[in-house]
């Protein structure tokens, strides 16, 4: 159990460094993208009807994350938790717009 805790702390420290680097140089955001793409895409894909929409939503998530990176605050959770929160909001917005469009 102690080894797992140390591993998780190391990952959070690595993520903190990646976020700091991406704040300084947005090109470094690619590392965060690569590390988190699969989890975000899987989360989105389980909630939408098709691959194309999942790709669009995932792209929106990472676009919003990049533009919102200066406002990101560490709260003791992995960076992907913040990304999944963004994904949830993007999906909610799309579903609301879709529902209004059908009315």
PDB file of N, CA and C in Angstrom:
ATOM      1  N   UNK A   1       0.828  -1.192   0.000  1.00  0.00           N
ATOM      2  CA  UNK A   1       0.000   0.000   0.000  1.00  0.00           C
ATOM      3  C   UNK A   1       0.869   1.251   0.000  1.00  0.00           C
ATOM      4  N   UNK A   2       1.945   1.246   0.770  1.00  0.00           N
ATOM      5  CA  UNK A   2       2.855   2.392   0.840  1.00  0.00           C
ATOM      6  C   UNK A   2       3.476   2.656  -0.530  1.00  0.00           C
ATOM      7  N   UNK A   3       3.830   1.602  -1.245  1.00  0.00           N
ATOM      8  CA  UNK A   3       4.422   1.762  -2.580  1.00  0.00           C
ATOM      9  C   UNK A   3       3.420   2.431  -3.523  1.00  0.00           C
ATOM     10  N   UNK A   4       2.137   2.059  -3.439  1.00  0.00           N
ATOM     11  CA  UNK A   4       1.106   2.658  -4.276  1.00  0.00           C
ATOM     12  C   UNK A   4       0.951   4.143  -3.944  1.00  0.00           C
ATOM     13  N   UNK A   5       0.961   4.491  -2.667  1.00  0.00           N
ATOM     14  CA  UNK A   5       0.860   5.891  -2.267  1.00  0.00           C
ATOM     15  C   UNK A   5       2.043   6.688  -2.806  1.00  0.00           C
ATOM     16  N   UNK A   6       3.243   6.136  -2.707  1.00  0.00           N
ATOM     17  CA  UNK A   6       4.424   6.820  -3.237  1.00  0.00           C
ATOM     18  C   UNK A   6       4.332   6.992  -4.742  1.00  0.00           C
ATOM     19  N   UNK A   7       3.810   5.953  -5.430  1.00  0.00           N
ATOM     20  CA  UNK A   7       3.644   6.026  -6.878  1.00  0.00           C
ATOM     21  C   UNK A   7       2.653   7.130  -7.241  1.00  0.00           C
ATOM     22  N   UNK A   8       1.521   7.197  -6.519  1.00  0.00           N
ATOM     23  CA  UNK A   8       0.517   8.220  -6.789  1.00  0.00           C
ATOM     24  C   UNK A   8       1.060   9.615  -6.517  1.00  0.00           C
ATOM     25  N   UNK A   9       1.834   9.783  -5.447  1.00  0.00           N
ATOM     26  CA  UNK A   9       2.428  11.080  -5.152  1.00  0.00           C
ATOM     27  C   UNK A   9       3.405  11.483  -6.248  1.00  0.00           C
ATOM     28  N   UNK A  10       4.182  10.509  -6.730  1.00  0.00           N
ATOM     29  CA  UNK A  10       5.127  10.802  -7.809  1.00  0.00           C
ATOM     30  C   UNK A  10       4.366  11.246  -9.051  1.00  0.00           C
ATOM     31  N   UNK A  11       3.267  10.563  -9.367  1.00  0.00           N
ATOM     32  CA  UNK A  11       2.482  10.942 -10.532  1.00  0.00           C
ATOM     33  C   UNK A  11       1.918  12.351 -10.383  1.00  0.00           C
ATOM     34  N   UNK A  12       1.411  12.688  -9.192  1.00  0.00           N
ATOM     35  CA  UNK A  12       0.880  14.027  -8.971  1.00  0.00           C
ATOM     36  C   UNK A  12       1.981  15.069  -9.086  1.00  0.00           C
ATOM     37  N   UNK A  13       3.168  14.751  -8.564  1.00  0.00           N
ATOM     38  CA  UNK A  13       4.294  15.677  -8.702  1.00  0.00           C
ATOM     39  C   UNK A  13       4.669  15.856 -10.180  1.00  0.00           C
ATOM     40  N   UNK A  14       4.668  14.758 -10.922  1.00  0.00           N
ATOM     41  CA  UNK A  14       4.955  14.836 -12.353  1.00  0.00           C
ATOM     42  C   UNK A  14       3.908  15.698 -13.061  1.00  0.00           C
ATOM     43  N   UNK A  15       2.643  15.493 -12.707  1.00  0.00           N
ATOM     44  CA  UNK A  15       1.569  16.276 -13.317  1.00  0.00           C
ATOM     45  C   UNK A  15       1.715  17.758 -12.984  1.00  0.00           C
ATOM     46  N   UNK A  16       2.061  18.051 -11.749  1.00  0.00           N
ATOM     47  CA  UNK A  16       2.269  19.457 -11.358  1.00  0.00           C
ATOM     48  C   UNK A  16       3.351  20.094 -12.219  1.00  0.00           C
ATOM     49  N   UNK A  17       4.418  19.362 -12.447  1.00  0.00           N
ATOM     50  CA  UNK A  17       5.500  19.889 -13.285  1.00  0.00           C
ATOM     51  C   UNK A  17       5.033  20.061 -14.734  1.00  0.00           C
ATOM     52  N   UNK A  18       4.239  19.100 -15.224  1.00  0.00           N
ATOM     53  CA  UNK A  18       3.728  19.203 -16.591  1.00  0.00           C
ATOM     54  C   UNK A  18       2.804  20.414 -16.739  1.00  0.00           C
ATOM     55  N   UNK A  19       1.934  20.622 -15.749  1.00  0.00           N
ATOM     56  CA  UNK A  19       1.025  21.765 -15.799  1.00  0.00           C
ATOM     57  C   UNK A  19       1.814  23.066 -15.749  1.00  0.00           C
ATOM     58  N   UNK A  20       2.785  23.129 -14.854  1.00  0.00           N
ATOM     59  CA  UNK A  20       3.616  24.337 -14.756  1.00  0.00           C
ATOM     60  C   UNK A  20       4.328  24.608 -16.080  1.00  0.00           C
ATOM     61  N   UNK A  21       4.837  23.568 -16.698  1.00  0.00           N
ATOM     62  CA  UNK A  21       5.526  23.728 -17.981  1.00  0.00           C
ATOM     63  C   UNK A  21       4.558  24.189 -19.069  1.00  0.00           C
ATOM     64  N   UNK A  22       3.348  23.632 -19.075  1.00  0.00           N
ATOM     65  CA  UNK A  22       2.352  24.009 -20.083  1.00  0.00           C
ATOM     66  C   UNK A  22       1.869  25.446 -19.878  1.00  0.00           C
ATOM     67  N   UNK A  23       1.841  25.894 -18.630  1.00  0.00           N
ATOM     68  CA  UNK A  23       1.470  27.294 -18.380  1.00  0.00           C
ATOM     69  C   UNK A  23       2.519  28.240 -18.941  1.00  0.00           C
ATOM     70  N   UNK A  24       3.776  27.838 -18.848  1.00  0.00           N
ATOM     71  CA  UNK A  24       4.871  28.661 -19.368  1.00  0.00           C
ATOM     72  C   UNK A  24       4.950  28.601 -20.892  1.00  0.00           C
ATOM     73  N   UNK A  25       4.708  27.414 -21.437  1.00  0.00           N
ATOM     74  CA  UNK A  25       4.825  27.188 -22.875  1.00  0.00           C
ATOM     75  C   UNK A  25       3.664  26.296 -23.314  1.00  0.00           C
ATOM     76  N   UNK A  26       2.615  26.882 -23.918  1.00  0.00           N
ATOM     77  CA  UNK A  26       1.446  26.085 -24.309  1.00  0.00           C
ATOM     78  C   UNK A  26       1.763  24.875 -25.188  1.00  0.00           C
ATOM     79  N   UNK A  27       2.883  24.881 -25.878  1.00  0.00           N
ATOM     80  CA  UNK A  27       3.258  23.715 -26.686  1.00  0.00           C
ATOM     81  C   UNK A  27       3.487  22.490 -25.808  1.00  0.00           C
ATOM     82  N   UNK A  28       3.818  22.717 -24.546  1.00  0.00           N
ATOM     83  CA  UNK A  28       4.048  21.609 -23.608  1.00  0.00           C
ATOM     84  C   UNK A  28       2.741  20.957 -23.153  1.00  0.00           C
ATOM     85  N   UNK A  29       1.610  21.561 -23.487  1.00  0.00           N
ATOM     86  CA  UNK A  29       0.315  20.965 -23.161  1.00  0.00           C
ATOM     87  C   UNK A  29       0.155  19.612 -23.838  1.00  0.00           C
ATOM     88  N   UNK A  30       0.888  19.395 -24.912  1.00  0.00           N
ATOM     89  CA  UNK A  30       0.819  18.123 -25.645  1.00  0.00           C
ATOM     90  C   UNK A  30       1.110  16.937 -24.729  1.00  0.00           C
ATOM     91  N   UNK A  31       1.994  17.115 -23.757  1.00  0.00           N
ATOM     92  CA  UNK A  31       2.307  16.029 -22.824  1.00  0.00           C
ATOM     93  C   UNK A  31       1.083  15.665 -21.982  1.00  0.00           C
ATOM     94  N   UNK A  32       0.385  16.682 -21.506  1.00  0.00           N
ATOM     95  CA  UNK A  32      -0.833  16.442 -20.725  1.00  0.00           C
ATOM     96  C   UNK A  32      -1.905  15.787 -21.597  1.00  0.00           C
ATOM     97  N   UNK A  33      -1.988  16.228 -22.835  1.00  0.00           N
ATOM     98  CA  UNK A  33      -2.929  15.647 -23.788  1.00  0.00           C
ATOM     99  C   UNK A  33      -2.640  14.158 -23.985  1.00  0.00           C
ATOM    100  N   UNK A  34      -1.392  13.842 -24.261  1.00  0.00           N
ATOM    101  CA  UNK A  34      -1.007  12.448 -24.502  1.00  0.00           C
ATOM    102  C   UNK A  34      -1.274  11.568 -23.280  1.00  0.00           C
ATOM    103  N   UNK A  35      -0.993  12.086 -22.107  1.00  0.00           N
ATOM    104  CA  UNK A  35      -1.160  11.307 -20.880  1.00  0.00           C
ATOM    105  C   UNK A  35      -2.621  11.078 -20.511  1.00  0.00           C
ATOM    106  N   UNK A  36      -3.520  11.945 -20.969  1.00  0.00           N
ATOM    107  CA  UNK A  36      -4.903  11.894 -20.504  1.00  0.00           C
ATOM    108  C   UNK A  36      -5.939  11.651 -21.588  1.00  0.00           C
ATOM    109  N   UNK A  37      -5.522  11.632 -22.841  1.00  0.00           N
ATOM    110  CA  UNK A  37      -6.479  11.502 -23.941  1.00  0.00           C
ATOM    111  C   UNK A  37      -7.365  10.262 -23.813  1.00  0.00           C
ATOM    112  N   UNK A  38      -6.769   9.112 -23.592  1.00  0.00           N
ATOM    113  CA  UNK A  38      -7.540   7.864 -23.588  1.00  0.00           C
ATOM    114  C   UNK A  38      -8.631   7.865 -22.529  1.00  0.00           C
ATOM    115  N   UNK A  39      -8.324   8.344 -21.328  1.00  0.00           N
ATOM    116  CA  UNK A  39      -9.334   8.363 -20.252  1.00  0.00           C
ATOM    117  C   UNK A  39     -10.468   9.327 -20.573  1.00  0.00           C
ATOM    118  N   UNK A  40     -10.120  10.492 -21.107  1.00  0.00           N
ATOM    119  CA  UNK A  40     -11.158  11.469 -21.451  1.00  0.00           C
ATOM    120  C   UNK A  40     -12.008  10.931 -22.599  1.00  0.00           C
ATOM    121  N   UNK A  41     -11.377  10.403 -23.628  1.00  0.00           N
ATOM    122  CA  UNK A  41     -12.128   9.873 -24.770  1.00  0.00           C
ATOM    123  C   UNK A  41     -13.044   8.731 -24.328  1.00  0.00           C
ATOM    124  N   UNK A  42     -12.546   7.829 -23.496  1.00  0.00           N
ATOM    125  CA  UNK A  42     -13.371   6.703 -23.031  1.00  0.00           C
ATOM    126  C   UNK A  42     -14.572   7.214 -22.235  1.00  0.00           C
ATOM    127  N   UNK A  43     -14.355   8.201 -21.381  1.00  0.00           N
ATOM    128  CA  UNK A  43     -15.447   8.790 -20.590  1.00  0.00           C
ATOM    129  C   UNK A  43     -16.517   9.367 -21.518  1.00  0.00           C
ATOM    130  N   UNK A  44     -16.074  10.123 -22.512  1.00  0.00           N
ATOM    131  CA  UNK A  44     -17.003  10.759 -23.445  1.00  0.00           C
ATOM    132  C   UNK A  44     -17.693   9.718 -24.321  1.00  0.00           C
ATOM    133  N   UNK A  45     -16.936   8.776 -24.853  1.00  0.00           N
ATOM    134  CA  UNK A  45     -17.485   7.784 -25.781  1.00  0.00           C
ATOM    135  C   UNK A  45     -18.597   6.952 -25.134  1.00  0.00           C
ATOM    136  N   UNK A  46     -18.475   6.699 -23.830  1.00  0.00           N
ATOM    137  CA  UNK A  46     -19.527   5.943 -23.136  1.00  0.00           C
ATOM    138  C   UNK A  46     -20.820   6.734 -23.017  1.00  0.00           C
ATOM    139  N   UNK A  47     -20.758   8.051 -23.236  1.00  0.00           N
ATOM    140  CA  UNK A  47     -21.915   8.897 -23.001  1.00  0.00           C
ATOM    141  C   UNK A  47     -22.552   9.479 -24.264  1.00  0.00           C
ATOM    142  N   UNK A  48     -21.910   9.279 -25.398  1.00  0.00           N
ATOM    143  CA  UNK A  48     -22.465   9.819 -26.644  1.00  0.00           C
ATOM    144  C   UNK A  48     -22.795   8.693 -27.602  1.00  0.00           C
ATOM    145  N   UNK A  49     -23.499   9.043 -28.657  1.00  0.00           N
ATOM    146  CA  UNK A  49     -24.004   8.029 -29.562  1.00  0.00           C
ATOM    147  C   UNK A  49     -23.042   7.492 -30.590  1.00  0.00           C
ATOM    148  N   UNK A  50     -21.996   8.241 -30.922  1.00  0.00           N
ATOM    149  CA  UNK A  50     -21.147   7.757 -32.006  1.00  0.00           C
ATOM    150  C   UNK A  50     -19.724   8.275 -31.874  1.00  0.00           C
ATOM    151  N   UNK A  51     -18.861   7.667 -32.664  1.00  0.00           N
ATOM    152  CA  UNK A  51     -17.428   7.961 -32.610  1.00  0.00           C
ATOM    153  C   UNK A  51     -17.134   9.418 -32.996  1.00  0.00           C
ATOM    154  N   UNK A  52     -17.780   9.899 -34.047  1.00  0.00           N
ATOM    155  CA  UNK A  52     -17.521  11.266 -34.502  1.00  0.00           C
ATOM    156  C   UNK A  52     -17.860  12.287 -33.414  1.00  0.00           C
ATOM    157  N   UNK A  53     -18.990  12.109 -32.765  1.00  0.00           N
ATOM    158  CA  UNK A  53     -19.368  13.025 -31.692  1.00  0.00           C
ATOM    159  C   UNK A  53     -18.396  12.914 -30.511  1.00  0.00           C
ATOM    160  N   UNK A  54     -17.975  11.703 -30.198  1.00  0.00           N
ATOM    161  CA  UNK A  54     -17.008  11.512 -29.107  1.00  0.00           C
ATOM    162  C   UNK A  54     -15.701  12.229 -29.423  1.00  0.00           C
ATOM    163  N   UNK A  55     -15.275  12.172 -30.679  1.00  0.00           N
ATOM    164  CA  UNK A  55     -14.051  12.868 -31.074  1.00  0.00           C
ATOM    165  C   UNK A  55     -14.228  14.383 -30.974  1.00  0.00           C
ATOM    166  N   UNK A  56     -15.388  14.878 -31.398  1.00  0.00           N
ATOM    167  CA  UNK A  56     -15.655  16.321 -31.324  1.00  0.00           C
ATOM    168  C   UNK A  56     -15.676  16.809 -29.885  1.00  0.00           C
ATOM    169  N   UNK A  57     -16.370  16.066 -29.032  1.00  0.00           N
ATOM    170  CA  UNK A  57     -16.457  16.461 -27.623  1.00  0.00           C
ATOM    171  C   UNK A  57     -15.082  16.414 -26.977  1.00  0.00           C
ATOM    172  N   UNK A  58     -14.331  15.370 -27.242  1.00  0.00           N
ATOM    173  CA  UNK A  58     -12.987  15.250 -26.666  1.00  0.00           C
ATOM    174  C   UNK A  58     -12.107  16.406 -27.120  1.00  0.00           C
ATOM    175  N   UNK A  59     -12.208  16.784 -28.369  1.00  0.00           N
ATOM    176  CA  UNK A  59     -11.443  17.935 -28.863  1.00  0.00           C
ATOM    177  C   UNK A  59     -11.863  19.209 -28.127  1.00  0.00           C
ATOM    178  N   UNK A  60     -13.170  19.379 -27.918  1.00  0.00           N
ATOM    179  CA  UNK A  60     -13.660  20.552 -27.174  1.00  0.00           C
ATOM    180  C   UNK A  60     -13.112  20.564 -25.749  1.00  0.00           C
ATOM    181  N   UNK A  61     -13.073  19.404 -25.119  1.00  0.00           N
ATOM    182  CA  UNK A  61     -12.564  19.304 -23.751  1.00  0.00           C
ATOM    183  C   UNK A  61     -11.123  19.788 -23.682  1.00  0.00           C
ATOM    184  N   UNK A  62     -10.287  19.294 -24.567  1.00  0.00           N
ATOM    185  CA  UNK A  62      -8.877  19.676 -24.509  1.00  0.00           C
ATOM    186  C   UNK A  62      -8.666  21.128 -24.937  1.00  0.00           C
ATOM    187  N   UNK A  63      -9.493  21.616 -25.840  1.00  0.00           N
ATOM    188  CA  UNK A  63      -9.408  23.034 -26.215  1.00  0.00           C
ATOM    189  C   UNK A  63      -9.759  23.910 -25.011  1.00  0.00           C
ATOM    190  N   UNK A  64     -10.828  23.571 -24.311  1.00  0.00           N
ATOM    191  CA  UNK A  64     -11.217  24.338 -23.124  1.00  0.00           C
ATOM    192  C   UNK A  64     -10.173  24.207 -22.014  1.00  0.00           C
ATOM    193  N   UNK A  65      -9.594  23.027 -21.878  1.00  0.00           N
ATOM    194  CA  UNK A  65      -8.567  22.829 -20.853  1.00  0.00           C
ATOM    195  C   UNK A  65      -7.350  23.701 -21.138  1.00  0.00           C
ATOM    196  N   UNK A  66      -6.928  23.743 -22.386  1.00  0.00           N
ATOM    197  CA  UNK A  66      -5.771  24.562 -22.741  1.00  0.00           C
ATOM    198  C   UNK A  66      -6.056  26.036 -22.472  1.00  0.00           C
ATOM    199  N   UNK A  67      -7.225  26.505 -22.878  1.00  0.00           N
ATOM    200  CA  UNK A  67      -7.538  27.917 -22.658  1.00  0.00           C
ATOM    201  C   UNK A  67      -7.783  28.220 -21.182  1.00  0.00           C
ATOM    202  N   UNK A  68      -8.215  27.222 -20.415  1.00  0.00           N
ATOM    203  CA  UNK A  68      -8.484  27.425 -18.994  1.00  0.00           C
ATOM    204  C   UNK A  68      -7.328  27.088 -18.073  1.00  0.00           C
ATOM    205  N   UNK A  69      -6.224  26.648 -18.632  1.00  0.00           N
ATOM    206  CA  UNK A  69      -5.088  26.208 -17.825  1.00  0.00           C
ATOM    207  C   UNK A  69      -4.603  27.262 -16.824  1.00  0.00           C
ATOM    208  N   UNK A  70      -4.588  28.539 -17.174  1.00  0.00           N
ATOM    209  CA  UNK A  70      -4.153  29.530 -16.183  1.00  0.00           C
ATOM    210  C   UNK A  70      -5.056  29.587 -14.940  1.00  0.00           C
ATOM    211  N   UNK A  71      -6.297  29.152 -15.075  1.00  0.00           N
ATOM    212  CA  UNK A  71      -7.236  29.168 -13.943  1.00  0.00           C
ATOM    213  C   UNK A  71      -7.278  27.844 -13.172  1.00  0.00           C
ATOM    214  N   UNK A  72      -6.575  26.834 -13.670  1.00  0.00           N
ATOM    215  CA  UNK A  72      -6.560  25.530 -13.002  1.00  0.00           C
ATOM    216  C   UNK A  72      -5.942  25.656 -11.620  1.00  0.00           C
ATOM    217  N   UNK A  73      -6.588  25.043 -10.623  1.00  0.00           N
ATOM    218  CA  UNK A  73      -6.076  25.039  -9.252  1.00  0.00           C
ATOM    219  C   UNK A  73      -5.939  23.598  -8.775  1.00  0.00           C
ATOM    220  N   UNK A  74      -4.799  23.301  -8.160  1.00  0.00           N
ATOM    221  CA  UNK A  74      -4.591  21.966  -7.599  1.00  0.00           C
ATOM    222  C   UNK A  74      -5.466  21.794  -6.377  1.00  0.00           C
ATOM    223  N   UNK A  75      -6.136  20.648  -6.292  1.00  0.00           N
ATOM    224  CA  UNK A  75      -7.003  20.343  -5.153  1.00  0.00           C
ATOM    225  C   UNK A  75      -6.757  18.937  -4.626  1.00  0.00           C
ATOM    226  N   UNK A  76      -5.579  18.426  -4.875  1.00  0.00           N
ATOM    227  CA  UNK A  76      -5.228  17.109  -4.374  1.00  0.00           C
ATOM    228  C   UNK A  76      -5.724  15.955  -5.225  1.00  0.00           C
ATOM    229  N   UNK A  77      -6.233  16.250  -6.404  1.00  0.00           N
ATOM    230  CA  UNK A  77      -6.744  15.224  -7.312  1.00  0.00           C
ATOM    231  C   UNK A  77      -5.888  15.195  -8.571  1.00  0.00           C
ATOM    232  N   UNK A  78      -5.884  14.078  -9.267  1.00  0.00           N
ATOM    233  CA  UNK A  78      -5.146  14.024 -10.531  1.00  0.00           C
ATOM    234  C   UNK A  78      -5.707  15.034 -11.539  1.00  0.00           C
ATOM    235  N   UNK A  79      -4.882  15.462 -12.454  1.00  0.00           N
ATOM    236  CA  UNK A  79      -5.273  16.416 -13.487  1.00  0.00           C
ATOM    237  C   UNK A  79      -6.463  15.905 -14.294  1.00  0.00           C
ATOM    238  N   UNK A  80      -6.530  14.604 -14.510  1.00  0.00           N
ATOM    239  CA  UNK A  80      -7.619  14.034 -15.308  1.00  0.00           C
ATOM    240  C   UNK A  80      -8.977  14.294 -14.653  1.00  0.00           C
ATOM    241  N   UNK A  81      -9.035  14.446 -13.349  1.00  0.00           N
ATOM    242  CA  UNK A  81     -10.312  14.752 -12.682  1.00  0.00           C
ATOM    243  C   UNK A  81     -10.847  16.096 -13.178  1.00  0.00           C
ATOM    244  N   UNK A  82      -9.955  17.065 -13.339  1.00  0.00           N
ATOM    245  CA  UNK A  82     -10.358  18.370 -13.863  1.00  0.00           C
ATOM    246  C   UNK A  82     -10.852  18.217 -15.305  1.00  0.00           C
ATOM    247  N   UNK A  83     -10.133  17.426 -16.095  1.00  0.00           N
ATOM    248  CA  UNK A  83     -10.530  17.206 -17.488  1.00  0.00           C
ATOM    249  C   UNK A  83     -11.899  16.527 -17.572  1.00  0.00           C
ATOM    250  N   UNK A  84     -12.151  15.571 -16.705  1.00  0.00           N
ATOM    251  CA  UNK A  84     -13.454  14.886 -16.722  1.00  0.00           C
ATOM    252  C   UNK A  84     -14.572  15.826 -16.294  1.00  0.00           C
ATOM    253  N   UNK A  85     -14.276  16.759 -15.421  1.00  0.00           N
ATOM    254  CA  UNK A  85     -15.259  17.783 -15.054  1.00  0.00           C
ATOM    255  C   UNK A  85     -15.591  18.661 -16.253  1.00  0.00           C
ATOM    256  N   UNK A  86     -14.576  19.030 -17.003  1.00  0.00           N
ATOM    257  CA  UNK A  86     -14.798  19.807 -18.226  1.00  0.00           C
ATOM    258  C   UNK A  86     -15.634  18.983 -19.199  1.00  0.00           C
ATOM    259  N   UNK A  87     -15.299  17.708 -19.349  1.00  0.00           N
ATOM    260  CA  UNK A  87     -16.044  16.832 -20.253  1.00  0.00           C
ATOM    261  C   UNK A  87     -17.512  16.764 -19.852  1.00  0.00           C
ATOM    262  N   UNK A  88     -17.767  16.632 -18.583  1.00  0.00           N
ATOM    263  CA  UNK A  88     -19.140  16.584 -18.094  1.00  0.00           C
ATOM    264  C   UNK A  88     -19.895  17.861 -18.455  1.00  0.00           C
ATOM    265  N   UNK A  89     -19.240  19.000 -18.301  1.00  0.00           N
ATOM    266  CA  UNK A  89     -19.867  20.275 -18.646  1.00  0.00           C
ATOM    267  C   UNK A  89     -20.107  20.410 -20.148  1.00  0.00           C
ATOM    268  N   UNK A  90     -19.139  19.986 -20.950  1.00  0.00           N
ATOM    269  CA  UNK A  90     -19.298  20.050 -22.403  1.00  0.00           C
ATOM    270  C   UNK A  90     -20.470  19.172 -22.836  1.00  0.00           C
ATOM    271  N   UNK A  91     -20.544  17.973 -22.281  1.00  0.00           N
ATOM    272  CA  UNK A  91     -21.653  17.072 -22.619  1.00  0.00           C
ATOM    273  C   UNK A  91     -22.993  17.668 -22.195  1.00  0.00           C
ATOM    274  N   UNK A  92     -23.068  18.221 -21.009  1.00  0.00           N
ATOM    275  CA  UNK A  92     -24.315  18.841 -20.535  1.00  0.00           C
ATOM    276  C   UNK A  92     -24.751  19.973 -21.453  1.00  0.00           C
ATOM    277  N   UNK A  93     -23.795  20.807 -21.837  1.00  0.00           N
ATOM    278  CA  UNK A  93     -24.108  21.918 -22.746  1.00  0.00           C
ATOM    279  C   UNK A  93     -24.639  21.405 -24.077  1.00  0.00           C
ATOM    280  N   UNK A  94     -24.007  20.370 -24.613  1.00  0.00           N
ATOM    281  CA  UNK A  94     -24.463  19.813 -25.896  1.00  0.00           C
ATOM    282  C   UNK A  94     -25.862  19.228 -25.776  1.00  0.00           C
ATOM    283  N   UNK A  95     -26.122  18.510 -24.685  1.00  0.00           N
ATOM    284  CA  UNK A  95     -27.445  17.910 -24.512  1.00  0.00           C
ATOM    285  C   UNK A  95     -28.513  18.976 -24.348  1.00  0.00           C
ATOM    286  N   UNK A  96     -28.193  20.067 -23.640  1.00  0.00           N
ATOM    287  CA  UNK A  96     -29.157  21.158 -23.488  1.00  0.00           C
ATOM    288  C   UNK A  96     -29.454  21.804 -24.835  1.00  0.00           C
ATOM    289  N   UNK A  97     -28.417  22.094 -25.608  1.00  0.00           N
ATOM    290  CA  UNK A  97     -28.607  22.695 -26.930  1.00  0.00           C
ATOM    291  C   UNK A  97     -29.415  21.760 -27.829  1.00  0.00           C
ATOM    292  N   UNK A  98     -29.125  20.485 -27.750  1.00  0.00           N
ATOM    293  CA  UNK A  98     -29.842  19.506 -28.562  1.00  0.00           C
ATOM    294  C   UNK A  98     -31.313  19.452 -28.178  1.00  0.00           C
ATOM    295  N   UNK A  99     -31.603  19.485 -26.881  1.00  0.00           N
ATOM    296  CA  UNK A  99     -32.982  19.446 -26.406  1.00  0.00           C
ATOM    297  C   UNK A  99     -33.735  20.703 -26.836  1.00  0.00           C
ATOM    298  N   UNK A 100     -33.079  21.857 -26.785  1.00  0.00           N
ATOM    299  CA  UNK A 100     -33.717  23.108 -27.223  1.00  0.00           C
ATOM    300  C   UNK A 100     -33.987  23.068 -28.707  1.00  0.00           C
ATOM    301  N   UNK A 101     -33.094  22.455 -29.455  1.00  0.00           N
ATOM    302  CA  UNK A 101     -33.252  22.368 -30.895  1.00  0.00           C
ATOM    303  C   UNK A 101     -34.437  21.507 -31.301  1.00  0.00           C
ATOM    304  N   UNK A 102     -34.782  20.549 -30.462  1.00  0.00           N
ATOM    305  CA  UNK A 102     -35.911  19.659 -30.752  1.00  0.00           C
ATOM    306  C   UNK A 102     -37.245  20.261 -30.337  1.00  0.00           C
ATOM    307  N   UNK A 103     -37.193  21.273 -29.485  1.00  0.00           N
ATOM    308  CA  UNK A 103     -38.460  21.884 -28.999  1.00  0.00           C
ATOM    309  C   UNK A 103     -39.095  22.770 -30.022  1.00  0.00           C
TER     310      UNK A 103
END
